C-alpha atoms as a PDB file:
ATOM      1  CA  MET A   1      63.430 154.218  77.430  1.00  0.00           C
ATOM      2  CA  LEU A   2      63.067 151.077  79.556  1.00  0.00           C
ATOM      3  CA  VAL A   3      65.316 148.162  78.546  1.00  0.00           C
ATOM      4  CA  MET A   4      65.244 144.712  80.124  1.00  0.00           C
ATOM      5  CA  ILE A   5      68.364 142.550  79.882  1.00  0.00           C
ATOM      6  CA  ALA A   6      67.696 138.862  80.500  1.00  0.00           C
ATOM      7  CA  GLU A   7      70.985 136.976  80.756  1.00  0.00           C
ATOM      8  CA  ASN A   8      72.167 134.410  83.297  1.00  0.00           C
ATOM      9  CA  ASP A   9      75.880 135.123  82.856  1.00  0.00           C
ATOM     10  CA  GLY A  10      76.942 138.065  84.996  1.00  0.00           C
ATOM     11  CA  LEU A  11      79.771 139.225  82.720  1.00  0.00           C
ATOM     12  CA  HIS A  12      77.587 139.213  79.626  1.00  0.00           C
ATOM     13  CA  ARG A  13      74.812 140.960  81.533  1.00  0.00           C
ATOM     14  CA  SER A  14      77.205 143.704  82.664  1.00  0.00           C
ATOM     15  CA  PHE A  15      78.539 144.117  79.125  1.00  0.00           C
ATOM     16  CA  ALA A  16      75.031 144.460  77.706  1.00  0.00           C
ATOM     17  CA  ARG A  17      74.058 147.002  80.378  1.00  0.00           C
ATOM     18  CA  ARG A  18      77.192 149.071  79.775  1.00  0.00           C
ATOM     19  CA  THR A  19      76.657 149.032  76.010  1.00  0.00           C
ATOM     20  CA  VAL A  20      73.022 150.119  76.321  1.00  0.00           C
ATOM     21  CA  GLU A  21      73.827 152.885  78.820  1.00  0.00           C
ATOM     22  CA  GLN A  22      76.695 154.186  76.664  1.00  0.00           C
ATOM     23  CA  LEU A  23      74.453 154.296  73.605  1.00  0.00           C
ATOM     24  CA  TRP A  24      71.741 156.342  75.314  1.00  0.00           C
ATOM     25  CA  PRO A  25      73.322 158.084  78.335  1.00  0.00           C
ATOM     26  CA  GLY A  26      70.737 159.601  80.636  1.00  0.00           C
ATOM     27  CA  ASP A  27      67.893 158.409  78.415  1.00  0.00           C
ATOM     28  CA  VAL A  28      67.563 154.777  79.467  1.00  0.00           C
ATOM     29  CA  GLU A  29      66.565 152.738  82.507  1.00  0.00           C
ATOM     30  CA  VAL A  30      67.974 149.204  82.545  1.00  0.00           C
ATOM     31  CA  ILE A  31      66.389 146.364  84.497  1.00  0.00           C
ATOM     32  CA  GLU A  32      67.957 142.906  84.740  1.00  0.00           C
ATOM     33  CA  ALA A  33      66.819 139.296  84.985  1.00  0.00           C
ATOM     34  CA  SER A  34      69.222 136.433  85.657  1.00  0.00           C
ATOM     35  CA  ASP A  35      67.016 133.524  84.572  1.00  0.00           C
ATOM     36  CA  GLY A  36      64.041 132.859  82.329  1.00  0.00           C
ATOM     37  CA  GLU A  37      61.423 132.705  85.061  1.00  0.00           C
ATOM     38  CA  ASP A  38      62.614 135.995  86.532  1.00  0.00           C
ATOM     39  CA  ALA A  39      62.528 137.528  83.042  1.00  0.00           C
ATOM     40  CA  ILE A  40      58.908 136.498  82.462  1.00  0.00           C
ATOM     41  CA  ASN A  41      57.828 137.897  85.834  1.00  0.00           C
ATOM     42  CA  LEU A  42      59.811 141.124  85.483  1.00  0.00           C
ATOM     43  CA  ALA A  43      58.505 141.723  81.964  1.00  0.00           C
ATOM     44  CA  ALA A  44      54.927 141.236  83.166  1.00  0.00           C
ATOM     45  CA  GLU A  45      55.487 143.669  86.030  1.00  0.00           C
ATOM     46  CA  ARG A  46      57.382 146.447  84.216  1.00  0.00           C
ATOM     47  CA  GLU A  47      56.308 145.871  80.576  1.00  0.00           C
ATOM     48  CA  PRO A  48      59.547 146.994  78.886  1.00  0.00           C
ATOM     49  CA  LEU A  49      59.247 147.762  75.178  1.00  0.00           C
ATOM     50  CA  HIS A  50      62.891 146.865  74.536  1.00  0.00           C
ATOM     51  CA  VAL A  51      64.468 143.559  75.582  1.00  0.00           C
ATOM     52  CA  VAL A  52      67.930 142.005  75.215  1.00  0.00           C
ATOM     53  CA  LEU A  53      67.331 138.289  75.590  1.00  0.00           C
ATOM     54  CA  ASP A  54      69.721 135.368  75.951  1.00  0.00           C
ATOM     55  CA  LEU A  55      68.359 132.226  74.331  1.00  0.00           C
ATOM     56  CA  GLN A  56      69.792 129.672  76.759  1.00  0.00           C
ATOM     57  CA  MET A  57      68.830 130.389  80.375  1.00  0.00           C
ATOM     58  CA  PRO A  58      67.815 128.281  83.377  1.00  0.00           C
ATOM     59  CA  LYS A  59      64.151 127.892  84.421  1.00  0.00           C
ATOM     60  CA  ALA A  60      62.823 129.082  81.041  1.00  0.00           C
ATOM     61  CA  THR A  61      64.502 129.405  77.651  1.00  0.00           C
ATOM     62  CA  GLY A  62      64.740 132.629  75.709  1.00  0.00           C
ATOM     63  CA  ILE A  63      62.151 131.244  73.285  1.00  0.00           C
ATOM     64  CA  GLU A  64      59.693 130.734  76.150  1.00  0.00           C
ATOM     65  CA  VAL A  65      60.410 134.190  77.558  1.00  0.00           C
ATOM     66  CA  ALA A  66      59.927 135.873  74.172  1.00  0.00           C
ATOM     67  CA  LYS A  67      56.676 134.007  73.588  1.00  0.00           C
ATOM     68  CA  ALA A  68      55.339 135.174  76.964  1.00  0.00           C
ATOM     69  CA  ILE A  69      56.389 138.764  76.269  1.00  0.00           C
ATOM     70  CA  TRP A  70      54.935 138.854  72.752  1.00  0.00           C
ATOM     71  CA  ASN A  71      51.703 137.249  73.944  1.00  0.00           C
ATOM     72  CA  ARG A  72      51.246 140.228  76.255  1.00  0.00           C
ATOM     73  CA  ARG A  73      52.561 142.900  73.879  1.00  0.00           C
ATOM     74  CA  ALA A  74      53.388 141.996  70.271  1.00  0.00           C
ATOM     75  CA  GLY A  75      55.006 145.395  69.693  1.00  0.00           C
ATOM     76  CA  THR A  76      57.922 144.688  72.047  1.00  0.00           C
ATOM     77  CA  HIS A  77      61.298 144.959  70.307  1.00  0.00           C
ATOM     78  CA  ILE A  78      63.454 141.953  71.224  1.00  0.00           C
ATOM     79  CA  LEU A  79      67.142 141.466  70.465  1.00  0.00           C
ATOM     80  CA  PHE A  80      68.049 137.796  70.837  1.00  0.00           C
ATOM     81  CA  TRP A  81      71.658 137.515  71.967  1.00  0.00           C
ATOM     82  CA  SER A  82      73.216 134.072  71.920  1.00  0.00           C
ATOM     83  CA  ASN A  83      76.381 131.999  71.824  1.00  0.00           C
ATOM     84  CA  PHE A  84      74.615 129.616  69.494  1.00  0.00           C
ATOM     85  CA  ALA A  85      73.677 129.615  65.814  1.00  0.00           C
ATOM     86  CA  ASP A  86      71.748 126.349  66.078  1.00  0.00           C
ATOM     87  CA  GLU A  87      69.042 125.824  63.492  1.00  0.00           C
ATOM     88  CA  ALA A  88      66.828 124.693  66.369  1.00  0.00           C
ATOM     89  CA  TYR A  89      66.978 128.203  67.866  1.00  0.00           C
ATOM     90  CA  VAL A  90      66.439 129.866  64.486  1.00  0.00           C
ATOM     91  CA  ARG A  91      63.338 127.733  63.917  1.00  0.00           C
ATOM     92  CA  GLY A  92      62.177 128.331  67.471  1.00  0.00           C
ATOM     93  CA  VAL A  93      62.350 132.096  67.037  1.00  0.00           C
ATOM     94  CA  ALA A  94      60.667 131.982  63.620  1.00  0.00           C
ATOM     95  CA  ARG A  95      57.729 130.036  65.055  1.00  0.00           C
ATOM     96  CA  ILE A  96      56.860 132.637  67.691  1.00  0.00           C
ATOM     97  CA  VAL A  97      57.548 136.015  66.043  1.00  0.00           C
ATOM     98  CA  PRO A  98      54.231 137.875  65.640  1.00  0.00           C
ATOM     99  CA  PRO A  99      53.557 139.320  62.166  1.00  0.00           C
ATOM    100  CA  GLY A 100      55.203 142.703  61.763  1.00  0.00           C
ATOM    101  CA  SER A 101      57.204 142.482  64.985  1.00  0.00           C
ATOM    102  CA  VAL A 102      60.673 143.989  65.210  1.00  0.00           C
ATOM    103  CA  TYR A 103      63.432 141.717  66.443  1.00  0.00           C
ATOM    104  CA  GLY A 104      67.102 140.919  66.011  1.00  0.00           C
ATOM    105  CA  TYR A 105      69.404 137.944  66.433  1.00  0.00           C
ATOM    106  CA  VAL A 106      73.056 138.652  67.132  1.00  0.00           C
ATOM    107  CA  LEU A 107      75.786 136.281  68.261  1.00  0.00           C
ATOM    108  CA  LYS A 108      77.855 136.987  71.357  1.00  0.00           C
ATOM    109  CA  SER A 109      80.955 136.607  69.205  1.00  0.00           C
ATOM    110  CA  ALA A 110      80.000 139.877  67.467  1.00  0.00           C
ATOM    111  CA  THR A 111      82.208 142.911  68.047  1.00  0.00           C
ATOM    112  CA  GLU A 112      81.131 145.621  70.455  1.00  0.00           C
ATOM    113  CA  GLU A 113      80.334 147.841  67.468  1.00  0.00           C
ATOM    114  CA  GLY A 114      78.266 144.999  65.994  1.00  0.00           C
ATOM    115  CA  MET A 115      76.278 144.845  69.231  1.00  0.00           C
ATOM    116  CA  ARG A 116      75.815 148.621  69.190  1.00  0.00           C
ATOM    117  CA  SER A 117      74.620 148.523  65.601  1.00  0.00           C
ATOM    118  CA  ALA A 118      72.118 145.771  66.404  1.00  0.00           C
ATOM    119  CA  LEU A 119      70.791 147.663  69.429  1.00  0.00           C
ATOM    120  CA  ARG A 120      70.371 150.884  67.443  1.00  0.00           C
ATOM    121  CA  GLY A 121      68.714 149.087  64.555  1.00  0.00           C
ATOM    122  CA  VAL A 122      66.222 147.080  66.611  1.00  0.00           C
ATOM    123  CA  PHE A 123      65.466 149.521  69.432  1.00  0.00           C
ATOM    124  CA  ARG A 124      65.674 152.957  67.786  1.00  0.00           C
ATOM    125  CA  GLU A 125      65.273 152.460  64.034  1.00  0.00           C
ATOM    126  CA  GLY A 126      62.733 149.639  64.119  1.00  0.00           C
ATOM    127  CA  HIS A 127      64.683 147.333  61.803  1.00  0.00           C
ATOM    128  CA  CYS A 128      65.050 143.560  62.002  1.00  0.00           C
ATOM    129  CA  ILE A 129      68.793 142.969  62.388  1.00  0.00           C
ATOM    130  CA  ILE A 130      69.952 139.404  61.803  1.00  0.00           C
ATOM    131  CA  ASP A 131      73.554 138.213  62.107  1.00  0.00           C
ATOM    132  CA  ARG A 132      75.012 137.107  58.763  1.00  0.00           C
ATOM    133  CA  GLU A 133      75.582 133.546  60.015  1.00  0.00           C
ATOM    134  CA  ILE A 134      71.985 133.347  61.240  1.00  0.00           C
ATOM    135  CA  ARG A 135      70.732 134.739  57.930  1.00  0.00           C
ATOM    136  CA  GLY A 136      72.524 131.900  56.154  1.00  0.00           C
ATOM    137  CA  ILE A 137      70.734 129.368  58.350  1.00  0.00           C
ATOM    138  CA  GLN A 138      67.398 131.059  57.637  1.00  0.00           C
ATOM    139  CA  HIS A 139      68.029 130.716  53.905  1.00  0.00           C
ATOM    140  CA  ARG A 140      68.926 127.049  54.339  1.00  0.00           C
ATOM    141  CA  VAL A 141      65.730 126.419  56.280  1.00  0.00           C
ATOM    142  CA  GLN A 142      63.730 128.020  53.476  1.00  0.00           C
ATOM    143  CA  ASP A 143      65.515 126.072  50.711  1.00  0.00           C
ATOM    144  CA  LYS A 144      63.022 123.425  49.606  1.00  0.00           C
ATOM    145  CA  PHE A 145      65.782 121.095  48.408  1.00  0.00           C
ATOM    146  CA  GLU A 146      68.327 121.429  51.233  1.00  0.00           C
ATOM    147  CA  GLY A 147      66.199 122.596  54.143  1.00  0.00           C
ATOM    148  CA  ILE A 148      64.135 120.394  56.414  1.00  0.00           C
ATOM    149  CA  THR A 149      60.446 121.255  56.014  1.00  0.00           C
ATOM    150  CA  ASP A 150      58.291 121.900  59.065  1.00  0.00           C
ATOM    151  CA  GLY A 151      56.655 118.487  58.648  1.00  0.00           C
ATOM    152  CA  GLU A 152      60.016 116.749  58.353  1.00  0.00           C
ATOM    153  CA  TYR A 153      61.271 118.661  61.381  1.00  0.00           C
ATOM    154  CA  GLU A 154      58.293 117.377  63.373  1.00  0.00           C
ATOM    155  CA  SER A 155      59.192 113.820  62.360  1.00  0.00           C
ATOM    156  CA  LEU A 156      62.817 114.383  63.344  1.00  0.00           C
ATOM    157  CA  ILE A 157      61.720 115.648  66.759  1.00  0.00           C
ATOM    158  CA  ASP A 158      59.412 112.653  67.187  1.00  0.00           C
ATOM    159  CA  ILE A 159      62.248 110.269  66.315  1.00  0.00           C
ATOM    160  CA  ALA A 160      64.481 111.980  68.892  1.00  0.00           C
ATOM    161  CA  LEU A 161      61.719 111.629  71.500  1.00  0.00           C
ATOM    162  CA  GLY A 162      61.628 107.888  70.801  1.00  0.00           C
ATOM    163  CA  LEU A 163      58.247 107.584  69.081  1.00  0.00           C
ATOM    164  CA  THR A 164      57.473 104.674  66.787  1.00  0.00           C
ATOM    165  CA  ASP A 165      56.228 105.155  63.224  1.00  0.00           C
ATOM    166  CA  ARG A 166      52.710 104.322  64.400  1.00  0.00           C
ATOM    167  CA  ALA A 167      52.863 106.882  67.225  1.00  0.00           C
ATOM    168  CA  ILE A 168      54.262 109.550  64.884  1.00  0.00           C
ATOM    169  CA  ALA A 169      51.418 108.902  62.454  1.00  0.00           C
ATOM    170  CA  ALA A 170      48.819 109.186  65.214  1.00  0.00           C
ATOM    171  CA  ARG A 171      50.321 112.349  66.686  1.00  0.00           C
ATOM    172  CA  ARG A 172      50.677 114.143  63.358  1.00  0.00           C
ATOM    173  CA  GLY A 173      47.452 112.973  61.742  1.00  0.00           C
ATOM    174  CA  LEU A 174      49.206 110.895  59.087  1.00  0.00           C
ATOM    175  CA  SER A 175      48.926 107.392  57.760  1.00  0.00           C
ATOM    176  CA  ILE A 176      51.753 105.086  58.797  1.00  0.00           C
ATOM    177  CA  ARG A 177      52.982 105.140  55.196  1.00  0.00           C
ATOM    178  CA  GLY A 178      52.874 108.950  55.250  1.00  0.00           C
ATOM    179  CA  ALA A 179      54.893 109.071  58.466  1.00  0.00           C
ATOM    180  CA  GLN A 180      57.457 106.677  57.016  1.00  0.00           C
ATOM    181  CA  SER A 181      57.706 108.786  53.857  1.00  0.00           C
ATOM    182  CA  ARG A 182      58.496 111.892  55.898  1.00  0.00           C
ATOM    183  CA  ILE A 183      61.127 110.013  57.867  1.00  0.00           C
ATOM    184  CA  LYS A 184      62.730 108.834  54.614  1.00  0.00           C
ATOM    185  CA  HIS A 185      62.902 112.447  53.410  1.00  0.00           C
ATOM    186  CA  VAL A 186      64.650 113.354  56.671  1.00  0.00           C
ATOM    187  CA  TYR A 187      67.182 110.576  56.113  1.00  0.00           C
ATOM    188  CA  ASP A 188      67.759 111.736  52.533  1.00  0.00           C
ATOM    189  CA  LYS A 189      68.417 115.338  53.577  1.00  0.00           C
ATOM    190  CA  LEU A 190      70.757 114.242  56.362  1.00  0.00           C
ATOM    191  CA  GLY A 191      72.682 112.094  53.891  1.00  0.00           C
ATOM    192  CA  ILE A 192      71.764 108.749  55.441  1.00  0.00           C
ATOM    193  CA  MET A 193      71.881 106.177  52.670  1.00  0.00           C
ATOM    194  CA  PRO A 194      69.435 103.249  52.594  1.00  0.00           C
ATOM    195  CA  ALA A 195      70.712  99.708  53.012  1.00  0.00           C
ATOM    196  CA  ASP A 196      68.771  98.223  50.095  1.00  0.00           C
ATOM    197  CA  ASP A 197      71.935  96.843  48.550  1.00  0.00           C
ATOM    198  CA  GLY A 198      73.688  96.160  51.837  1.00  0.00           C
ATOM    199  CA  THR A 199      76.209  98.965  51.309  1.00  0.00           C
ATOM    200  CA  GLY A 200      74.360 101.970  52.735  1.00  0.00           C
ATOM    201  CA  ASP A 201      74.722 103.652  56.118  1.00  0.00           C
ATOM    202  CA  ALA A 202      71.961 101.492  57.555  1.00  0.00           C
ATOM    203  CA  SER A 203      74.171  98.415  57.182  1.00  0.00           C
ATOM    204  CA  VAL A 204      76.528 100.019  59.732  1.00  0.00           C
ATOM    205  CA  PHE A 205      74.334 102.444  61.700  1.00  0.00           C
ATOM    206  CA  ASN A 206      70.884 102.386  63.193  1.00  0.00           C
ATOM    207  CA  SER A 207      69.201 104.954  60.926  1.00  0.00           C
ATOM    208  CA  ARG A 208      67.094 106.566  63.661  1.00  0.00           C
ATOM    209  CA  THR A 209      69.991 106.967  66.067  1.00  0.00           C
ATOM    210  CA  ARG A 210      72.246 108.217  63.271  1.00  0.00           C
ATOM    211  CA  ALA A 211      69.633 110.799  62.291  1.00  0.00           C
ATOM    212  CA  ILE A 212      69.525 112.131  65.861  1.00  0.00           C
ATOM    213  CA  TYR A 213      73.324 112.428  65.977  1.00  0.00           C
ATOM    214  CA  LEU A 214      73.569 114.201  62.615  1.00  0.00           C
ATOM    215  CA  ALA A 215      70.707 116.539  63.505  1.00  0.00           C
ATOM    216  CA  MET A 216      72.357 117.519  66.800  1.00  0.00           C
ATOM    217  CA  ALA A 217      75.766 117.930  65.152  1.00  0.00           C
ATOM    218  CA  ARG A 218      74.216 120.263  62.569  1.00  0.00           C
ATOM    219  CA  GLY A 219      72.251 122.182  65.211  1.00  0.00           C
ATOM    220  CA  LEU A 220      68.881 121.112  63.805  1.00  0.00           C
ATOM    221  CA  ILE A 221      67.825 119.998  67.269  1.00  0.00           C
ATOM    222  CA  ASN A 222      69.241 120.654  70.726  1.00  0.00           C
ATOM    223  CA  ILE A 223      68.361 119.849  74.309  1.00  0.00           C
ATOM    224  CA  ASP A 224      66.275 123.014  74.771  1.00  0.00           C
ATOM    225  CA  ALA A 225      64.152 122.164  71.733  1.00  0.00           C
ATOM    226  CA  LEU A 226      63.723 118.585  72.942  1.00  0.00           C
ATOM    227  CA  ARG A 227      62.627 119.726  76.407  1.00  0.00           C
ATOM    228  CA  ARG A 228      59.987 122.003  74.865  1.00  0.00           C
ATOM    229  CA  GLU A 229      58.796 119.243  72.559  1.00  0.00           C
ATOM    230  CA  GLN A 230      58.681 116.718  75.414  1.00  0.00           C
ATOM    231  CA  ASP A 231      56.302 119.056  77.240  1.00  0.00           C
ATOM    232  CA  ARG A 232      54.087 119.199  74.138  1.00  0.00           C
ATOM    233  CA  LEU A 233      54.259 115.423  73.795  1.00  0.00           C
ATOM    234  CA  ASP A 234      53.269 114.954  77.443  1.00  0.00           C
ATOM    235  CA  ALA A 235      50.247 117.197  76.870  1.00  0.00           C
ATOM    236  CA  TRP A 236      49.270 115.224  73.756  1.00  0.00           C
ATOM    237  CA  LEU A 237      49.665 111.877  75.544  1.00  0.00           C
ATOM    238  CA  ALA A 238      47.460 113.114  78.386  1.00  0.00           C
ATOM    239  CA  GLU A 239      44.662 113.718  75.882  1.00  0.00           C
ATOM    240  CA  HIS A 240      44.958 110.397  74.033  1.00  0.00           C
END
């Protein structure tokens, strides 16, 4: 069994290697990548069917690495291994997982036995193993009353990138009124009160800036997500 470990932190990489080798002594070859670009190249060269993948790496994020791997071979089993339970990462993973693919998401705060269980489940048993905290975020994302919809998430990203209502409408194929309606729904779900009576949050805060802060504090967006979205925005601007 060929396992690739993509992790920029040397201690975490050594721990993952040791855990994998102890689980399957004499039956596994482990290859390592210390950044996202190296991981993409190594995966293309060796085509491992089992990957332990950190989500936050230099040169390319874990999301970008996983997308490249799954584009080449959708049957690759990937265990995402992260310090972070940000909703931005959960959404990022959900957007790229091919139908029927086997994957896991475990936090680095998990016990060694928790890591072993996740590795066995994803690599040997073919189960999707999701950390309990991550599962809770997935449920929140899917909750139509509490969760931010995909359309609202797009508007939140566009706000964070500094786009005006008119630009958001043009980019997303909406009317200006439609774009403003989505933004209002984002404010509602983030608990930003309107200033219609002069007593709401908007009488103290700039609503757009406040939305960005609350979204980052909640883990809805993070710098990795914004970098990816800026690249997409640059591509869109080049065409319009």
